[in-house]
Every structure is written in C-alpha cells, then in structure tokens.
PDB file of N, CA and C in Angstrom:
ATOM      1  N   UNK A   1       7.316  -3.631  14.422  1.00  0.00           N
ATOM      2  CA  UNK A   1       6.626  -3.438  13.158  1.00  0.00           C
ATOM      3  C   UNK A   1       7.453  -2.492  12.287  1.00  0.00           C
ATOM      4  N   UNK A   2       7.641  -2.882  11.038  1.00  0.00           N
ATOM      5  CA  UNK A   2       8.365  -2.026  10.097  1.00  0.00           C
ATOM      6  C   UNK A   2       7.447  -0.896   9.628  1.00  0.00           C
ATOM      7  N   UNK A   3       7.958   0.323   9.651  1.00  0.00           N
ATOM      8  CA  UNK A   3       7.194   1.503   9.234  1.00  0.00           C
ATOM      9  C   UNK A   3       7.746   2.022   7.910  1.00  0.00           C
ATOM     10  N   UNK A   4       6.871   2.239   6.938  1.00  0.00           N
ATOM     11  CA  UNK A   4       7.257   2.842   5.670  1.00  0.00           C
ATOM     12  C   UNK A   4       6.411   4.088   5.474  1.00  0.00           C
ATOM     13  N   UNK A   5       7.059   5.182   5.140  1.00  0.00           N
ATOM     14  CA  UNK A   5       6.348   6.412   4.805  1.00  0.00           C
ATOM     15  C   UNK A   5       6.432   6.565   3.288  1.00  0.00           C
ATOM     16  N   UNK A   6       5.292   6.495   2.620  1.00  0.00           N
ATOM     17  CA  UNK A   6       5.260   6.575   1.165  1.00  0.00           C
ATOM     18  C   UNK A   6       4.781   7.962   0.752  1.00  0.00           C
ATOM     19  N   UNK A   7       5.641   8.692   0.065  1.00  0.00           N
ATOM     20  CA  UNK A   7       5.308  10.046  -0.388  1.00  0.00           C
ATOM     21  C   UNK A   7       4.572   9.968  -1.714  1.00  0.00           C
ATOM     22  N   UNK A   8       3.353  10.457  -1.740  1.00  0.00           N
ATOM     23  CA  UNK A   8       2.493  10.362  -2.912  1.00  0.00           C
ATOM     24  C   UNK A   8       2.413  11.707  -3.620  1.00  0.00           C
ATOM     25  N   UNK A   9       2.832  11.731  -4.872  1.00  0.00           N
ATOM     26  CA  UNK A   9       2.825  12.962  -5.660  1.00  0.00           C
ATOM     27  C   UNK A   9       1.498  13.139  -6.406  1.00  0.00           C
ATOM     28  N   UNK A  10       0.832  12.039  -6.687  1.00  0.00           N
ATOM     29  CA  UNK A  10      -0.439  12.070  -7.415  1.00  0.00           C
ATOM     30  C   UNK A  10      -1.613  12.057  -6.430  1.00  0.00           C
ATOM     31  N   UNK A  11      -2.819  12.028  -6.994  1.00  0.00           N
ATOM     32  CA  UNK A  11      -4.021  11.997  -6.154  1.00  0.00           C
ATOM     33  C   UNK A  11      -4.158  10.674  -5.409  1.00  0.00           C
ATOM     34  N   UNK A  12      -3.777   9.566  -6.068  1.00  0.00           N
ATOM     35  CA  UNK A  12      -3.913   8.238  -5.461  1.00  0.00           C
ATOM     36  C   UNK A  12      -2.958   7.260  -6.133  1.00  0.00           C
ATOM     37  N   UNK A  13      -2.819   6.090  -5.504  1.00  0.00           N
ATOM     38  CA  UNK A  13      -2.113   4.954  -6.091  1.00  0.00           C
ATOM     39  C   UNK A  13      -2.979   3.730  -5.833  1.00  0.00           C
ATOM     40  N   UNK A  14      -3.027   2.821  -6.803  1.00  0.00           N
ATOM     41  CA  UNK A  14      -3.807   1.608  -6.610  1.00  0.00           C
ATOM     42  C   UNK A  14      -3.102   0.715  -5.596  1.00  0.00           C
ATOM     43  N   UNK A  15      -3.892   0.033  -4.778  1.00  0.00           N
ATOM     44  CA  UNK A  15      -3.353  -0.768  -3.684  1.00  0.00           C
ATOM     45  C   UNK A  15      -2.338  -1.793  -4.176  1.00  0.00           C
ATOM     46  N   UNK A  16      -2.650  -2.545  -5.221  1.00  0.00           N
ATOM     47  CA  UNK A  16      -1.714  -3.558  -5.696  1.00  0.00           C
ATOM     48  C   UNK A  16      -0.405  -2.928  -6.174  1.00  0.00           C
ATOM     49  N   UNK A  17      -0.469  -1.743  -6.767  1.00  0.00           N
ATOM     50  CA  UNK A  17       0.744  -1.055  -7.219  1.00  0.00           C
ATOM     51  C   UNK A  17       1.555  -0.519  -6.035  1.00  0.00           C
ATOM     52  N   UNK A  18       0.870  -0.073  -4.997  1.00  0.00           N
ATOM     53  CA  UNK A  18       1.563   0.396  -3.799  1.00  0.00           C
ATOM     54  C   UNK A  18       2.405  -0.722  -3.190  1.00  0.00           C
ATOM     55  N   UNK A  19       1.841  -1.917  -3.131  1.00  0.00           N
ATOM     56  CA  UNK A  19       2.585  -3.053  -2.580  1.00  0.00           C
ATOM     57  C   UNK A  19       3.827  -3.340  -3.412  1.00  0.00           C
ATOM     58  N   UNK A  20       3.712  -3.187  -4.716  1.00  0.00           N
ATOM     59  CA  UNK A  20       4.858  -3.373  -5.607  1.00  0.00           C
ATOM     60  C   UNK A  20       5.889  -2.253  -5.418  1.00  0.00           C
ATOM     61  N   UNK A  21       5.425  -1.009  -5.396  1.00  0.00           N
ATOM     62  CA  UNK A  21       6.332   0.139  -5.289  1.00  0.00           C
ATOM     63  C   UNK A  21       7.103   0.173  -3.976  1.00  0.00           C
ATOM     64  N   UNK A  22       6.526  -0.371  -2.932  1.00  0.00           N
ATOM     65  CA  UNK A  22       7.208  -0.403  -1.633  1.00  0.00           C
ATOM     66  C   UNK A  22       8.081  -1.643  -1.465  1.00  0.00           C
ATOM     67  N   UNK A  23       8.088  -2.513  -2.457  1.00  0.00           N
ATOM     68  CA  UNK A  23       8.935  -3.697  -2.412  1.00  0.00           C
ATOM     69  C   UNK A  23       8.364  -4.856  -1.628  1.00  0.00           C
ATOM     70  N   UNK A  24       7.079  -4.795  -1.289  1.00  0.00           N
ATOM     71  CA  UNK A  24       6.465  -5.883  -0.531  1.00  0.00           C
ATOM     72  C   UNK A  24       6.079  -7.064  -1.411  1.00  0.00           C
ATOM     73  N   UNK A  25       6.086  -6.859  -2.722  1.00  0.00           N
ATOM     74  CA  UNK A  25       5.871  -7.939  -3.683  1.00  0.00           C
ATOM     75  C   UNK A  25       6.598  -7.574  -4.974  1.00  0.00           C
ATOM     76  N   UNK A  26       6.739  -8.550  -5.868  1.00  0.00           N
ATOM     77  CA  UNK A  26       7.534  -8.356  -7.079  1.00  0.00           C
ATOM     78  C   UNK A  26       6.776  -7.728  -8.237  1.00  0.00           C
ATOM     79  N   UNK A  27       5.447  -7.808  -8.231  1.00  0.00           N
ATOM     80  CA  UNK A  27       4.671  -7.303  -9.368  1.00  0.00           C
ATOM     81  C   UNK A  27       3.280  -6.881  -8.910  1.00  0.00           C
ATOM     82  N   UNK A  28       2.595  -6.158  -9.799  1.00  0.00           N
ATOM     83  CA  UNK A  28       1.218  -5.780  -9.505  1.00  0.00           C
ATOM     84  C   UNK A  28       0.323  -7.007  -9.368  1.00  0.00           C
ATOM     85  N   UNK A  29       0.601  -8.037 -10.160  1.00  0.00           N
ATOM     86  CA  UNK A  29      -0.168  -9.281 -10.079  1.00  0.00           C
ATOM     87  C   UNK A  29       0.014  -9.970  -8.736  1.00  0.00           C
ATOM     88  N   UNK A  30       1.247  -9.951  -8.236  1.00  0.00           N
ATOM     89  CA  UNK A  30       1.509 -10.532  -6.918  1.00  0.00           C
ATOM     90  C   UNK A  30       0.802  -9.714  -5.842  1.00  0.00           C
ATOM     91  N   UNK A  31       0.741  -8.393  -6.042  1.00  0.00           N
ATOM     92  CA  UNK A  31       0.019  -7.522  -5.118  1.00  0.00           C
ATOM     93  C   UNK A  31      -1.464  -7.846  -5.096  1.00  0.00           C
ATOM     94  N   UNK A  32      -2.026  -8.111  -6.280  1.00  0.00           N
ATOM     95  CA  UNK A  32      -3.438  -8.483  -6.357  1.00  0.00           C
ATOM     96  C   UNK A  32      -3.706  -9.773  -5.585  1.00  0.00           C
ATOM     97  N   UNK A  33      -2.781 -10.722  -5.689  1.00  0.00           N
ATOM     98  CA  UNK A  33      -2.944 -12.000  -4.982  1.00  0.00           C
ATOM     99  C   UNK A  33      -2.901 -11.790  -3.466  1.00  0.00           C
ATOM    100  N   UNK A  34      -1.999 -10.927  -2.996  1.00  0.00           N
ATOM    101  CA  UNK A  34      -1.934 -10.643  -1.558  1.00  0.00           C
ATOM    102  C   UNK A  34      -3.237 -10.037  -1.056  1.00  0.00           C
ATOM    103  N   UNK A  35      -3.778  -9.107  -1.826  1.00  0.00           N
ATOM    104  CA  UNK A  35      -5.024  -8.448  -1.430  1.00  0.00           C
ATOM    105  C   UNK A  35      -6.171  -9.458  -1.455  1.00  0.00           C
ATOM    106  N   UNK A  36      -6.257 -10.246  -2.525  1.00  0.00           N
ATOM    107  CA  UNK A  36      -7.341 -11.230  -2.659  1.00  0.00           C
ATOM    108  C   UNK A  36      -7.312 -12.253  -1.536  1.00  0.00           C
ATOM    109  N   UNK A  37      -6.127 -12.522  -1.000  1.00  0.00           N
ATOM    110  CA  UNK A  37      -5.995 -13.483   0.094  1.00  0.00           C
ATOM    111  C   UNK A  37      -6.426 -12.934   1.444  1.00  0.00           C
ATOM    112  N   UNK A  38      -6.791 -11.659   1.499  1.00  0.00           N
ATOM    113  CA  UNK A  38      -7.288 -11.076   2.740  1.00  0.00           C
ATOM    114  C   UNK A  38      -6.213 -10.646   3.715  1.00  0.00           C
ATOM    115  N   UNK A  39      -4.970 -10.550   3.258  1.00  0.00           N
ATOM    116  CA  UNK A  39      -3.880 -10.217   4.162  1.00  0.00           C
ATOM    117  C   UNK A  39      -3.540  -8.741   4.257  1.00  0.00           C
ATOM    118  N   UNK A  40      -4.289  -7.887   3.553  1.00  0.00           N
ATOM    119  CA  UNK A  40      -3.977  -6.459   3.527  1.00  0.00           C
ATOM    120  C   UNK A  40      -5.125  -5.681   4.156  1.00  0.00           C
ATOM    121  N   UNK A  41      -4.784  -4.738   5.024  1.00  0.00           N
ATOM    122  CA  UNK A  41      -5.815  -3.878   5.599  1.00  0.00           C
ATOM    123  C   UNK A  41      -5.509  -2.418   5.272  1.00  0.00           C
ATOM    124  N   UNK A  42      -6.580  -1.652   5.132  1.00  0.00           N
ATOM    125  CA  UNK A  42      -6.483  -0.214   4.887  1.00  0.00           C
ATOM    126  C   UNK A  42      -7.271   0.478   5.988  1.00  0.00           C
ATOM    127  N   UNK A  43      -6.603   1.351   6.712  1.00  0.00           N
ATOM    128  CA  UNK A  43      -7.219   2.070   7.826  1.00  0.00           C
ATOM    129  C   UNK A  43      -7.896   1.121   8.816  1.00  0.00           C
ATOM    130  N   UNK A  44      -7.249  -0.040   9.054  1.00  0.00           N
ATOM    131  CA  UNK A  44      -7.718  -0.973  10.065  1.00  0.00           C
ATOM    132  C   UNK A  44      -8.751  -1.991   9.618  1.00  0.00           C
ATOM    133  N   UNK A  45      -9.189  -1.921   8.356  1.00  0.00           N
ATOM    134  CA  UNK A  45     -10.182  -2.879   7.848  1.00  0.00           C
ATOM    135  C   UNK A  45      -9.596  -3.679   6.700  1.00  0.00           C
ATOM    136  N   UNK A  46      -9.891  -4.978   6.664  1.00  0.00           N
ATOM    137  CA  UNK A  46      -9.408  -5.822   5.569  1.00  0.00           C
ATOM    138  C   UNK A  46      -9.946  -5.271   4.257  1.00  0.00           C
ATOM    139  N   UNK A  47      -9.042  -5.149   3.275  1.00  0.00           N
ATOM    140  CA  UNK A  47      -9.411  -4.616   1.960  1.00  0.00           C
ATOM    141  C   UNK A  47      -9.268  -5.717   0.920  1.00  0.00           C
ATOM    142  N   UNK A  48     -10.347  -6.016   0.213  1.00  0.00           N
ATOM    143  CA  UNK A  48     -10.331  -7.063  -0.810  1.00  0.00           C
ATOM    144  C   UNK A  48     -10.374  -6.503  -2.226  1.00  0.00           C
ATOM    145  N   UNK A  49     -10.531  -5.196  -2.366  1.00  0.00           N
ATOM    146  CA  UNK A  49     -10.520  -4.580  -3.704  1.00  0.00           C
ATOM    147  C   UNK A  49      -9.061  -4.366  -4.112  1.00  0.00           C
ATOM    148  N   UNK A  50      -8.615  -5.134  -5.084  1.00  0.00           N
ATOM    149  CA  UNK A  50      -7.204  -5.154  -5.458  1.00  0.00           C
ATOM    150  C   UNK A  50      -6.691  -3.813  -5.960  1.00  0.00           C
ATOM    151  N   UNK A  51      -7.536  -3.073  -6.643  1.00  0.00           N
ATOM    152  CA  UNK A  51      -7.092  -1.805  -7.231  1.00  0.00           C
ATOM    153  C   UNK A  51      -7.755  -0.605  -6.553  1.00  0.00           C
ATOM    154  N   UNK A  52      -8.129  -0.755  -5.279  1.00  0.00           N
ATOM    155  CA  UNK A  52      -8.744   0.380  -4.591  1.00  0.00           C
ATOM    156  C   UNK A  52      -7.745   1.533  -4.537  1.00  0.00           C
ATOM    157  N   UNK A  53      -8.255   2.728  -4.494  1.00  0.00           N
ATOM    158  CA  UNK A  53      -7.427   3.933  -4.535  1.00  0.00           C
ATOM    159  C   UNK A  53      -6.966   4.304  -3.127  1.00  0.00           C
ATOM    160  N   UNK A  54      -5.663   4.374  -2.962  1.00  0.00           N
ATOM    161  CA  UNK A  54      -5.066   4.735  -1.681  1.00  0.00           C
ATOM    162  C   UNK A  54      -4.591   6.173  -1.778  1.00  0.00           C
ATOM    163  N   UNK A  55      -5.002   6.993  -0.817  1.00  0.00           N
ATOM    164  CA  UNK A  55      -4.729   8.433  -0.845  1.00  0.00           C
ATOM    165  C   UNK A  55      -3.924   8.869   0.384  1.00  0.00           C
ATOM    166  N   UNK A  56      -3.431  10.099   0.316  1.00  0.00           N
ATOM    167  CA  UNK A  56      -2.682  10.694   1.423  1.00  0.00           C
ATOM    168  C   UNK A  56      -3.519  10.605   2.703  1.00  0.00           C
ATOM    169  N   UNK A  57      -2.881  10.230   3.800  1.00  0.00           N
ATOM    170  CA  UNK A  57      -3.548  10.121   5.095  1.00  0.00           C
ATOM    171  C   UNK A  57      -3.977   8.715   5.445  1.00  0.00           C
ATOM    172  N   UNK A  58      -4.009   7.813   4.467  1.00  0.00           N
ATOM    173  CA  UNK A  58      -4.421   6.446   4.749  1.00  0.00           C
ATOM    174  C   UNK A  58      -3.235   5.616   5.229  1.00  0.00           C
ATOM    175  N   UNK A  59      -3.558   4.520   5.927  1.00  0.00           N
ATOM    176  CA  UNK A  59      -2.543   3.604   6.446  1.00  0.00           C
ATOM    177  C   UNK A  59      -2.859   2.204   5.929  1.00  0.00           C
ATOM    178  N   UNK A  60      -1.862   1.581   5.314  1.00  0.00           N
ATOM    179  CA  UNK A  60      -1.992   0.231   4.761  1.00  0.00           C
ATOM    180  C   UNK A  60      -1.107  -0.696   5.579  1.00  0.00           C
ATOM    181  N   UNK A  61      -1.633  -1.870   5.933  1.00  0.00           N
ATOM    182  CA  UNK A  61      -0.851  -2.839   6.693  1.00  0.00           C
ATOM    183  C   UNK A  61      -0.864  -4.188   6.006  1.00  0.00           C
ATOM    184  N   UNK A  62       0.314  -4.805   5.982  1.00  0.00           N
ATOM    185  CA  UNK A  62       0.485  -6.156   5.451  1.00  0.00           C
ATOM    186  C   UNK A  62       1.442  -6.869   6.387  1.00  0.00           C
ATOM    187  N   UNK A  63       0.924  -7.837   7.132  1.00  0.00           N
ATOM    188  CA  UNK A  63       1.754  -8.529   8.104  1.00  0.00           C
ATOM    189  C   UNK A  63       2.272  -7.559   9.151  1.00  0.00           C
ATOM    190  N   UNK A  64       3.596  -7.519   9.313  1.00  0.00           N
ATOM    191  CA  UNK A  64       4.192  -6.625  10.308  1.00  0.00           C
ATOM    192  C   UNK A  64       4.721  -5.335   9.682  1.00  0.00           C
ATOM    193  N   UNK A  65       4.187  -4.971   8.495  1.00  0.00           N
ATOM    194  CA  UNK A  65       4.607  -3.750   7.805  1.00  0.00           C
ATOM    195  C   UNK A  65       3.443  -2.768   7.763  1.00  0.00           C
ATOM    196  N   UNK A  66       3.718  -1.533   8.153  1.00  0.00           N
ATOM    197  CA  UNK A  66       2.711  -0.461   8.098  1.00  0.00           C
ATOM    198  C   UNK A  66       3.203   0.624   7.140  1.00  0.00           C
ATOM    199  N   UNK A  67       2.371   0.956   6.144  1.00  0.00           N
ATOM    200  CA  UNK A  67       2.693   1.996   5.173  1.00  0.00           C
ATOM    201  C   UNK A  67       1.785   3.190   5.450  1.00  0.00           C
ATOM    202  N   UNK A  68       2.399   4.330   5.711  1.00  0.00           N
ATOM    203  CA  UNK A  68       1.655   5.566   5.927  1.00  0.00           C
ATOM    204  C   UNK A  68       1.811   6.439   4.696  1.00  0.00           C
ATOM    205  N   UNK A  69       0.690   6.913   4.168  1.00  0.00           N
ATOM    206  CA  UNK A  69       0.701   7.730   2.950  1.00  0.00           C
ATOM    207  C   UNK A  69       0.817   9.205   3.322  1.00  0.00           C
ATOM    208  N   UNK A  70       1.816   9.869   2.740  1.00  0.00           N
ATOM    209  CA  UNK A  70       2.024  11.295   2.984  1.00  0.00           C
ATOM    210  C   UNK A  70       2.141  12.020   1.648  1.00  0.00           C
ATOM    211  N   UNK A  71       1.868  13.322   1.662  1.00  0.00           N
ATOM    212  CA  UNK A  71       1.999  14.136   0.453  1.00  0.00           C
ATOM    213  C   UNK A  71       3.460  14.405   0.179  1.00  0.00           C
ATOM    214  N   UNK A  72       3.803  14.534  -1.084  1.00  0.00           N
ATOM    215  CA  UNK A  72       5.188  14.844  -1.427  1.00  0.00           C
ATOM    216  C   UNK A  72       5.577  14.259  -2.758  1.00  0.00           C
ATOM    217  N   UNK A  73       6.722  13.615  -2.807  1.00  0.00           N
ATOM    218  CA  UNK A  73       7.221  12.988  -4.023  1.00  0.00           C
ATOM    219  C   UNK A  73       6.603  11.621  -4.203  1.00  0.00           C
ATOM    220  N   UNK A  74       7.194  10.823  -5.105  1.00  0.00           N
ATOM    221  CA  UNK A  74       6.644   9.476  -5.329  1.00  0.00           C
ATOM    222  C   UNK A  74       7.663   8.398  -5.015  1.00  0.00           C
ATOM    223  N   UNK A  75       8.575   8.686  -4.087  1.00  0.00           N
ATOM    224  CA  UNK A  75       9.597   7.712  -3.718  1.00  0.00           C
ATOM    225  C   UNK A  75       9.331   7.244  -2.281  1.00  0.00           C
ATOM    226  N   UNK A  76       9.262   5.926  -2.071  1.00  0.00           N
ATOM    227  CA  UNK A  76       9.043   5.443  -0.704  1.00  0.00           C
ATOM    228  C   UNK A  76      10.280   5.686   0.160  1.00  0.00           C
ATOM    229  N   UNK A  77      10.047   6.001   1.422  1.00  0.00           N
ATOM    230  CA  UNK A  77      11.147   6.136   2.377  1.00  0.00           C
ATOM    231  C   UNK A  77      10.943   5.095   3.459  1.00  0.00           C
ATOM    232  N   UNK A  78      11.988   4.351   3.730  1.00  0.00           N
ATOM    233  CA  UNK A  78      11.888   3.274   4.733  1.00  0.00           C
ATOM    234  C   UNK A  78      12.552   3.740   6.012  1.00  0.00           C
TER     235      UNK A  78
END
C-alpha cells in the first residue's frame, strides 16, 4: 500500500481537493466523481460527501493509497 503523509497548514481541506492535491486525480471535479462512486474511505468508513472537511489525524484511503493527515505545511510528502 502506498503511504502519503499530507501536511496540513490550515484547519481542514475538502476531500475532493485533497485527492487533487495529492495527485490521485487531475481536478476537484474528478475528485468529486471518485467520492461519489464510493471508492474513498475516511477513518475506515466509506465517505460520500464530496466536500467533507478532512482534518489533522484523519486517514483517507483510495484503492491501495493511504493518506495520513499531519500538522505542518501544505505540501504532500510521498
């Protein structure tokens, strides 16, 4: 499983934007489609809210990719 640690400088990032910022999709719209299709989970549960707020400490999974949210800057580290 690929692990990505995403450093979040703000209070939250919207789920569809997180998928875009980590390079898992090309646009926020594509991120919304991935979420709507039921392929994204947050903290182990399928998440269907495209713009739900993802905060430090949460874990997002899409396929074989796991994104862990940590405090810090706003640049993803792979």
